[in-house]
Amino acid sequence: MSVEAIKKALSGVQDPELHRSLTELDMVESVEFADGKAIVRVLLTIAGCPMQDRLRSDISEAVIAVEGVSSIDLTFGAMTKSNAIT
């Protein structure tokens, strides 16, 4: 089990508004894995993103499906002007 397997799973999750993968959009800020727990931080395109609940569901489903992952600690932040999608 590796962080790479989790990142690969996240590459299959699309932003519901932009229809591109979270990894392609550089929305995945960090991924850690220890003792069966995936710790993932995702940057939303805007604070208070109306699609946050859908993203939480899609991300959780993808990460839990990775062999060896038994739980996920998912947090959201928001992109700043310096890392915003153009």
PDB file of N, CA and C in Angstrom:
ATOM      1  N   MET A   1       0.857  -1.193   0.000  1.00  0.00           N
ATOM      2  CA  MET A   1       0.000   0.000   0.000  1.00  0.00           C
ATOM      3  C   MET A   1       0.881   1.227   0.000  1.00  0.00           C
ATOM      4  N   SER A   2       0.549   2.125  -0.865  1.00  0.00           N
ATOM      5  CA  SER A   2       1.375   3.324  -0.947  1.00  0.00           C
ATOM      6  C   SER A   2       0.542   4.559  -1.218  1.00  0.00           C
ATOM      7  N   VAL A   3       1.151   5.674  -0.967  1.00  0.00           N
ATOM      8  CA  VAL A   3       0.546   6.960  -1.272  1.00  0.00           C
ATOM      9  C   VAL A   3       0.259   7.039  -2.772  1.00  0.00           C
ATOM     10  N   GLU A   4       1.131   6.442  -3.580  1.00  0.00           N
ATOM     11  CA  GLU A   4       0.948   6.468  -5.033  1.00  0.00           C
ATOM     12  C   GLU A   4      -0.368   5.800  -5.449  1.00  0.00           C
ATOM     13  N   ALA A   5      -0.735   4.698  -4.784  1.00  0.00           N
ATOM     14  CA  ALA A   5      -1.995   4.012  -5.105  1.00  0.00           C
ATOM     15  C   ALA A   5      -3.188   4.908  -4.786  1.00  0.00           C
ATOM     16  N   ILE A   6      -3.092   5.670  -3.716  1.00  0.00           N
ATOM     17  CA  ILE A   6      -4.173   6.592  -3.352  1.00  0.00           C
ATOM     18  C   ILE A   6      -4.244   7.724  -4.376  1.00  0.00           C
ATOM     19  N   LYS A   7      -3.092   8.250  -4.760  1.00  0.00           N
ATOM     20  CA  LYS A   7      -3.072   9.318  -5.772  1.00  0.00           C
ATOM     21  C   LYS A   7      -3.639   8.822  -7.092  1.00  0.00           C
ATOM     22  N   LYS A   8      -3.330   7.583  -7.435  1.00  0.00           N
ATOM     23  CA  LYS A   8      -3.874   7.016  -8.671  1.00  0.00           C
ATOM     24  C   LYS A   8      -5.397   6.940  -8.590  1.00  0.00           C
ATOM     25  N   ALA A   9      -5.917   6.529  -7.432  1.00  0.00           N
ATOM     26  CA  ALA A   9      -7.372   6.476  -7.247  1.00  0.00           C
ATOM     27  C   ALA A   9      -7.976   7.874  -7.370  1.00  0.00           C
ATOM     28  N   LEU A  10      -7.299   8.862  -6.827  1.00  0.00           N
ATOM     29  CA  LEU A  10      -7.792  10.237  -6.898  1.00  0.00           C
ATOM     30  C   LEU A  10      -7.780  10.767  -8.326  1.00  0.00           C
ATOM     31  N   SER A  11      -6.897  10.223  -9.167  1.00  0.00           N
ATOM     32  CA  SER A  11      -6.857  10.684 -10.558  1.00  0.00           C
ATOM     33  C   SER A  11      -8.129  10.296 -11.314  1.00  0.00           C
ATOM     34  N   GLY A  12      -8.901   9.362 -10.752  1.00  0.00           N
ATOM     35  CA  GLY A  12     -10.162   8.967 -11.360  1.00  0.00           C
ATOM     36  C   GLY A  12     -11.350   9.786 -10.893  1.00  0.00           C
ATOM     37  N   VAL A  13     -11.111  10.697  -9.945  1.00  0.00           N
ATOM     38  CA  VAL A  13     -12.193  11.546  -9.429  1.00  0.00           C
ATOM     39  C   VAL A  13     -12.173  12.869 -10.182  1.00  0.00           C
ATOM     40  N   GLN A  14     -13.308  13.243 -10.732  1.00  0.00           N
ATOM     41  CA  GLN A  14     -13.392  14.489 -11.500  1.00  0.00           C
ATOM     42  C   GLN A  14     -14.077  15.594 -10.703  1.00  0.00           C
ATOM     43  N   ASP A  15     -13.611  16.814 -10.935  1.00  0.00           N
ATOM     44  CA  ASP A  15     -14.322  17.970 -10.412  1.00  0.00           C
ATOM     45  C   ASP A  15     -15.659  18.012 -11.146  1.00  0.00           C
ATOM     46  N   PRO A  16     -16.781  18.038 -10.413  1.00  0.00           N
ATOM     47  CA  PRO A  16     -18.098  17.967 -11.061  1.00  0.00           C
ATOM     48  C   PRO A  16     -18.430  19.166 -11.947  1.00  0.00           C
ATOM     49  N   GLU A  17     -17.764  20.272 -11.749  1.00  0.00           N
ATOM     50  CA  GLU A  17     -18.046  21.453 -12.569  1.00  0.00           C
ATOM     51  C   GLU A  17     -17.081  21.586 -13.742  1.00  0.00           C
ATOM     52  N   LEU A  18     -15.813  21.247 -13.521  1.00  0.00           N
ATOM     53  CA  LEU A  18     -14.803  21.432 -14.566  1.00  0.00           C
ATOM     54  C   LEU A  18     -14.590  20.174 -15.415  1.00  0.00           C
ATOM     55  N   HIS A  19     -15.094  19.036 -14.949  1.00  0.00           N
ATOM     56  CA  HIS A  19     -15.027  17.764 -15.677  1.00  0.00           C
ATOM     57  C   HIS A  19     -13.599  17.365 -16.042  1.00  0.00           C
ATOM     58  N   ARG A  20     -12.688  17.626 -15.108  1.00  0.00           N
ATOM     59  CA  ARG A  20     -11.296  17.189 -15.228  1.00  0.00           C
ATOM     60  C   ARG A  20     -10.905  16.580 -13.894  1.00  0.00           C
ATOM     61  N   SER A  21      -9.896  15.703 -13.910  1.00  0.00           N
ATOM     62  CA  SER A  21      -9.537  15.001 -12.671  1.00  0.00           C
ATOM     63  C   SER A  21      -8.928  15.958 -11.647  1.00  0.00           C
ATOM     64  N   LEU A  22      -9.090  15.592 -10.383  1.00  0.00           N
ATOM     65  CA  LEU A  22      -8.545  16.410  -9.298  1.00  0.00           C
ATOM     66  C   LEU A  22      -7.034  16.524  -9.407  1.00  0.00           C
ATOM     67  N   THR A  23      -6.380  15.447  -9.828  1.00  0.00           N
ATOM     68  CA  THR A  23      -4.921  15.491  -9.943  1.00  0.00           C
ATOM     69  C   THR A  23      -4.498  16.371 -11.116  1.00  0.00           C
ATOM     70  N   GLU A  24      -5.218  16.307 -12.213  1.00  0.00           N
ATOM     71  CA  GLU A  24      -4.913  17.140 -13.377  1.00  0.00           C
ATOM     72  C   GLU A  24      -5.056  18.621 -13.030  1.00  0.00           C
ATOM     73  N   LEU A  25      -6.000  18.924 -12.175  1.00  0.00           N
ATOM     74  CA  LEU A  25      -6.265  20.309 -11.777  1.00  0.00           C
ATOM     75  C   LEU A  25      -5.400  20.758 -10.591  1.00  0.00           C
ATOM     76  N   ASP A  26      -4.510  19.872 -10.113  1.00  0.00           N
ATOM     77  CA  ASP A  26      -3.648  20.157  -8.950  1.00  0.00           C
ATOM     78  C   ASP A  26      -4.454  20.523  -7.706  1.00  0.00           C
ATOM     79  N   MET A  27      -5.592  19.860  -7.544  1.00  0.00           N
ATOM     80  CA  MET A  27      -6.441  20.118  -6.379  1.00  0.00           C
ATOM     81  C   MET A  27      -6.043  19.271  -5.170  1.00  0.00           C
ATOM     82  N   VAL A  28      -5.240  18.224  -5.378  1.00  0.00           N
ATOM     83  CA  VAL A  28      -4.811  17.366  -4.272  1.00  0.00           C
ATOM     84  C   VAL A  28      -3.566  17.992  -3.653  1.00  0.00           C
ATOM     85  N   GLU A  29      -3.734  18.563  -2.478  1.00  0.00           N
ATOM     86  CA  GLU A  29      -2.612  19.246  -1.824  1.00  0.00           C
ATOM     87  C   GLU A  29      -1.672  18.246  -1.158  1.00  0.00           C
ATOM     88  N   SER A  30      -2.245  17.231  -0.496  1.00  0.00           N
ATOM     89  CA  SER A  30      -1.392  16.258   0.177  1.00  0.00           C
ATOM     90  C   SER A  30      -2.112  14.937   0.363  1.00  0.00           C
ATOM     91  N   VAL A  31      -1.303  13.869   0.403  1.00  0.00           N
ATOM     92  CA  VAL A  31      -1.799  12.524   0.657  1.00  0.00           C
ATOM     93  C   VAL A  31      -0.797  11.837   1.580  1.00  0.00           C
ATOM     94  N   GLU A  32      -1.305  11.265   2.658  1.00  0.00           N
ATOM     95  CA  GLU A  32      -0.479  10.486   3.575  1.00  0.00           C
ATOM     96  C   GLU A  32      -1.209   9.182   3.848  1.00  0.00           C
ATOM     97  N   PHE A  33      -0.454   8.182   4.280  1.00  0.00           N
ATOM     98  CA  PHE A  33      -1.063   6.898   4.609  1.00  0.00           C
ATOM     99  C   PHE A  33      -0.318   6.274   5.769  1.00  0.00           C
ATOM    100  N   ALA A  34      -1.066   5.834   6.776  1.00  0.00           N
ATOM    101  CA  ALA A  34      -0.471   5.156   7.925  1.00  0.00           C
ATOM    102  C   ALA A  34      -1.529   4.320   8.625  1.00  0.00           C
ATOM    103  N   ASP A  35      -1.174   3.088   8.943  1.00  0.00           N
ATOM    104  CA  ASP A  35      -2.044   2.188   9.717  1.00  0.00           C
ATOM    105  C   ASP A  35      -3.448   2.077   9.136  1.00  0.00           C
ATOM    106  N   GLY A  36      -3.555   1.970   7.820  1.00  0.00           N
ATOM    107  CA  GLY A  36      -4.845   1.796   7.168  1.00  0.00           C
ATOM    108  C   GLY A  36      -5.635   3.065   6.958  1.00  0.00           C
ATOM    109  N   LYS A  37      -5.087   4.181   7.415  1.00  0.00           N
ATOM    110  CA  LYS A  37      -5.808   5.452   7.307  1.00  0.00           C
ATOM    111  C   LYS A  37      -5.175   6.343   6.246  1.00  0.00           C
ATOM    112  N   ALA A  38      -5.988   6.769   5.286  1.00  0.00           N
ATOM    113  CA  ALA A  38      -5.550   7.724   4.272  1.00  0.00           C
ATOM    114  C   ALA A  38      -5.887   9.123   4.769  1.00  0.00           C
ATOM    115  N   ILE A  39      -4.907  10.000   4.724  1.00  0.00           N
ATOM    116  CA  ILE A  39      -5.110  11.388   5.127  1.00  0.00           C
ATOM    117  C   ILE A  39      -4.948  12.234   3.869  1.00  0.00           C
ATOM    118  N   VAL A  40      -6.055  12.839   3.436  1.00  0.00           N
ATOM    119  CA  VAL A  40      -6.083  13.539   2.150  1.00  0.00           C
ATOM    120  C   VAL A  40      -6.562  14.972   2.367  1.00  0.00           C
ATOM    121  N   ARG A  41      -5.849  15.904   1.745  1.00  0.00           N
ATOM    122  CA  ARG A  41      -6.269  17.304   1.767  1.00  0.00           C
ATOM    123  C   ARG A  41      -6.444  17.758   0.323  1.00  0.00           C
ATOM    124  N   VAL A  42      -7.635  18.273   0.034  1.00  0.00           N
ATOM    125  CA  VAL A  42      -7.991  18.705  -1.312  1.00  0.00           C
ATOM    126  C   VAL A  42      -8.318  20.196  -1.278  1.00  0.00           C
ATOM    127  N   LEU A  43      -7.801  20.912  -2.265  1.00  0.00           N
ATOM    128  CA  LEU A  43      -8.085  22.338  -2.381  1.00  0.00           C
ATOM    129  C   LEU A  43      -9.238  22.554  -3.348  1.00  0.00           C
ATOM    130  N   LEU A  44     -10.292  23.146  -2.860  1.00  0.00           N
ATOM    131  CA  LEU A  44     -11.446  23.463  -3.697  1.00  0.00           C
ATOM    132  C   LEU A  44     -11.139  24.682  -4.554  1.00  0.00           C
ATOM    133  N   THR A  45     -11.803  24.772  -5.695  1.00  0.00           N
ATOM    134  CA  THR A  45     -11.559  25.905  -6.585  1.00  0.00           C
ATOM    135  C   THR A  45     -12.008  27.215  -5.959  1.00  0.00           C
ATOM    136  N   ILE A  46     -13.040  27.155  -5.117  1.00  0.00           N
ATOM    137  CA  ILE A  46     -13.503  28.338  -4.387  1.00  0.00           C
ATOM    138  C   ILE A  46     -13.913  27.916  -2.986  1.00  0.00           C
ATOM    139  N   ALA A  47     -13.725  28.797  -2.015  1.00  0.00           N
ATOM    140  CA  ALA A  47     -14.183  28.521  -0.661  1.00  0.00           C
ATOM    141  C   ALA A  47     -15.699  28.391  -0.690  1.00  0.00           C
ATOM    142  N   GLY A  48     -16.231  27.451   0.056  1.00  0.00           N
ATOM    143  CA  GLY A  48     -17.671  27.260   0.081  1.00  0.00           C
ATOM    144  C   GLY A  48     -18.211  26.650  -1.191  1.00  0.00           C
ATOM    145  N   CYS A  49     -17.395  25.882  -1.871  1.00  0.00           N
ATOM    146  CA  CYS A  49     -17.792  25.247  -3.136  1.00  0.00           C
ATOM    147  C   CYS A  49     -19.118  24.507  -2.968  1.00  0.00           C
ATOM    148  N   PRO A  50     -20.092  24.783  -3.828  1.00  0.00           N
ATOM    149  CA  PRO A  50     -21.396  24.144  -3.693  1.00  0.00           C
ATOM    150  C   PRO A  50     -21.358  22.632  -3.967  1.00  0.00           C
ATOM    151  N   MET A  51     -20.288  22.151  -4.592  1.00  0.00           N
ATOM    152  CA  MET A  51     -20.163  20.728  -4.916  1.00  0.00           C
ATOM    153  C   MET A  51     -19.321  19.970  -3.889  1.00  0.00           C
ATOM    154  N   GLN A  52     -19.035  20.589  -2.756  1.00  0.00           N
ATOM    155  CA  GLN A  52     -18.163  19.973  -1.753  1.00  0.00           C
ATOM    156  C   GLN A  52     -18.699  18.631  -1.262  1.00  0.00           C
ATOM    157  N   ASP A  53     -19.998  18.517  -1.037  1.00  0.00           N
ATOM    158  CA  ASP A  53     -20.561  17.250  -0.548  1.00  0.00           C
ATOM    159  C   ASP A  53     -20.388  16.139  -1.579  1.00  0.00           C
ATOM    160  N   ARG A  54     -20.603  16.471  -2.848  1.00  0.00           N
ATOM    161  CA  ARG A  54     -20.411  15.466  -3.895  1.00  0.00           C
ATOM    162  C   ARG A  54     -18.945  15.058  -3.983  1.00  0.00           C
ATOM    163  N   LEU A  55     -18.054  16.044  -3.918  1.00  0.00           N
ATOM    164  CA  LEU A  55     -16.626  15.732  -3.948  1.00  0.00           C
ATOM    165  C   LEU A  55     -16.233  14.855  -2.766  1.00  0.00           C
ATOM    166  N   ARG A  56     -16.742  15.165  -1.582  1.00  0.00           N
ATOM    167  CA  ARG A  56     -16.434  14.366  -0.393  1.00  0.00           C
ATOM    168  C   ARG A  56     -16.845  12.913  -0.630  1.00  0.00           C
ATOM    169  N   SER A  57     -18.020  12.715  -1.172  1.00  0.00           N
ATOM    170  CA  SER A  57     -18.524  11.372  -1.446  1.00  0.00           C
ATOM    171  C   SER A  57     -17.674  10.663  -2.500  1.00  0.00           C
ATOM    172  N   ASP A  58     -17.395  11.340  -3.606  1.00  0.00           N
ATOM    173  CA  ASP A  58     -16.618  10.743  -4.697  1.00  0.00           C
ATOM    174  C   ASP A  58     -15.196  10.408  -4.257  1.00  0.00           C
ATOM    175  N   ILE A  59     -14.568  11.321  -3.532  1.00  0.00           N
ATOM    176  CA  ILE A  59     -13.197  11.102  -3.057  1.00  0.00           C
ATOM    177  C   ILE A  59     -13.166   9.948  -2.062  1.00  0.00           C
ATOM    178  N   SER A  60     -14.074   9.962  -1.113  1.00  0.00           N
ATOM    179  CA  SER A  60     -14.113   8.904  -0.098  1.00  0.00           C
ATOM    180  C   SER A  60     -14.310   7.536  -0.734  1.00  0.00           C
ATOM    181  N   GLU A  61     -15.230   7.456  -1.675  1.00  0.00           N
ATOM    182  CA  GLU A  61     -15.507   6.195  -2.363  1.00  0.00           C
ATOM    183  C   GLU A  61     -14.263   5.687  -3.102  1.00  0.00           C
ATOM    184  N   ALA A  62     -13.575   6.566  -3.792  1.00  0.00           N
ATOM    185  CA  ALA A  62     -12.380   6.171  -4.553  1.00  0.00           C
ATOM    186  C   ALA A  62     -11.253   5.716  -3.637  1.00  0.00           C
ATOM    187  N   VAL A  63     -11.023   6.444  -2.555  1.00  0.00           N
ATOM    188  CA  VAL A  63      -9.898   6.132  -1.667  1.00  0.00           C
ATOM    189  C   VAL A  63     -10.164   4.869  -0.857  1.00  0.00           C
ATOM    190  N   ILE A  64     -11.380   4.692  -0.356  1.00  0.00           N
ATOM    191  CA  ILE A  64     -11.712   3.494   0.428  1.00  0.00           C
ATOM    192  C   ILE A  64     -11.595   2.235  -0.425  1.00  0.00           C
ATOM    193  N   ALA A  65     -11.761   2.374  -1.740  1.00  0.00           N
ATOM    194  CA  ALA A  65     -11.652   1.221  -2.636  1.00  0.00           C
ATOM    195  C   ALA A  65     -10.208   0.746  -2.816  1.00  0.00           C
ATOM    196  N   VAL A  66      -9.237   1.560  -2.412  1.00  0.00           N
ATOM    197  CA  VAL A  66      -7.825   1.186  -2.535  1.00  0.00           C
ATOM    198  C   VAL A  66      -7.509   0.102  -1.496  1.00  0.00           C
ATOM    199  N   GLU A  67      -6.885  -0.956  -1.972  1.00  0.00           N
ATOM    200  CA  GLU A  67      -6.540  -2.067  -1.080  1.00  0.00           C
ATOM    201  C   GLU A  67      -5.664  -1.575   0.067  1.00  0.00           C
ATOM    202  N   GLY A  68      -6.052  -1.941   1.289  1.00  0.00           N
ATOM    203  CA  GLY A  68      -5.294  -1.562   2.472  1.00  0.00           C
ATOM    204  C   GLY A  68      -5.830  -0.342   3.194  1.00  0.00           C
ATOM    205  N   VAL A  69      -6.683   0.429   2.528  1.00  0.00           N
ATOM    206  CA  VAL A  69      -7.255   1.620   3.161  1.00  0.00           C
ATOM    207  C   VAL A  69      -8.525   1.218   3.895  1.00  0.00           C
ATOM    208  N   SER A  70      -8.554   1.485   5.195  1.00  0.00           N
ATOM    209  CA  SER A  70      -9.746   1.151   5.982  1.00  0.00           C
ATOM    210  C   SER A  70     -10.519   2.391   6.409  1.00  0.00           C
ATOM    211  N   SER A  71      -9.867   3.566   6.351  1.00  0.00           N
ATOM    212  CA  SER A  71     -10.565   4.807   6.699  1.00  0.00           C
ATOM    213  C   SER A  71      -9.888   5.976   5.994  1.00  0.00           C
ATOM    214  N   ILE A  72     -10.623   7.076   5.945  1.00  0.00           N
ATOM    215  CA  ILE A  72     -10.086   8.283   5.306  1.00  0.00           C
ATOM    216  C   ILE A  72     -10.362   9.492   6.186  1.00  0.00           C
ATOM    217  N   ASP A  73      -9.347  10.329   6.302  1.00  0.00           N
ATOM    218  CA  ASP A  73      -9.471  11.625   6.964  1.00  0.00           C
ATOM    219  C   ASP A  73      -9.328  12.649   5.850  1.00  0.00           C
ATOM    220  N   LEU A  74     -10.455  13.206   5.421  1.00  0.00           N
ATOM    221  CA  LEU A  74     -10.480  14.115   4.284  1.00  0.00           C
ATOM    222  C   LEU A  74     -10.771  15.526   4.760  1.00  0.00           C
ATOM    223  N   THR A  75      -9.885  16.447   4.391  1.00  0.00           N
ATOM    224  CA  THR A  75     -10.120  17.855   4.709  1.00  0.00           C
ATOM    225  C   THR A  75     -10.049  18.664   3.425  1.00  0.00           C
ATOM    226  N   PHE A  76     -10.745  19.785   3.454  1.00  0.00           N
ATOM    227  CA  PHE A  76     -10.775  20.679   2.303  1.00  0.00           C
ATOM    228  C   PHE A  76     -10.179  22.027   2.665  1.00  0.00           C
ATOM    229  N   GLY A  77      -9.509  22.609   1.713  1.00  0.00           N
ATOM    230  CA  GLY A  77      -9.044  23.985   1.785  1.00  0.00           C
ATOM    231  C   GLY A  77      -9.549  24.664   0.523  1.00  0.00           C
ATOM    232  N   ALA A  78      -9.061  25.844   0.257  1.00  0.00           N
ATOM    233  CA  ALA A  78      -9.450  26.552  -0.970  1.00  0.00           C
ATOM    234  C   ALA A  78      -8.193  27.043  -1.665  1.00  0.00           C
ATOM    235  N   MET A  79      -8.235  26.999  -2.982  1.00  0.00           N
ATOM    236  CA  MET A  79      -7.113  27.508  -3.766  1.00  0.00           C
ATOM    237  C   MET A  79      -6.983  29.012  -3.557  1.00  0.00           C
ATOM    238  N   THR A  80      -5.755  29.461  -3.641  1.00  0.00           N
ATOM    239  CA  THR A  80      -5.487  30.898  -3.559  1.00  0.00           C
ATOM    240  C   THR A  80      -5.233  31.389  -4.978  1.00  0.00           C
ATOM    241  N   LYS A  81      -5.049  32.672  -5.118  1.00  0.00           N
ATOM    242  CA  LYS A  81      -4.771  33.223  -6.452  1.00  0.00           C
ATOM    243  C   LYS A  81      -3.505  32.617  -7.038  1.00  0.00           C
ATOM    244  N   SER A  82      -2.531  32.278  -6.181  1.00  0.00           N
ATOM    245  CA  SER A  82      -1.267  31.752  -6.690  1.00  0.00           C
ATOM    246  C   SER A  82      -1.381  30.333  -7.232  1.00  0.00           C
ATOM    247  N   ASN A  83      -2.384  29.567  -6.767  1.00  0.00           N
ATOM    248  CA  ASN A  83      -2.527  28.188  -7.281  1.00  0.00           C
ATOM    249  C   ASN A  83      -3.881  27.961  -7.933  1.00  0.00           C
ATOM    250  N   ALA A  84      -4.561  29.035  -8.281  1.00  0.00           N
ATOM    251  CA  ALA A  84      -5.884  28.911  -8.915  1.00  0.00           C
ATOM    252  C   ALA A  84      -5.769  28.337 -10.320  1.00  0.00           C
ATOM    253  N   ILE A  85      -6.812  27.687 -10.742  1.00  0.00           N
ATOM    254  CA  ILE A  85      -6.883  27.092 -12.064  1.00  0.00           C
ATOM    255  C   ILE A  85      -7.123  28.190 -13.084  1.00  0.00           C
ATOM    256  N   THR A  86      -6.334  28.158 -14.152  1.00  0.00           N
ATOM    257  CA  THR A  86      -6.522  29.181 -15.190  1.00  0.00           C
ATOM    258  C   THR A  86      -6.992  28.541 -16.472  1.00  0.00           C
TER     259      THR A  86
END
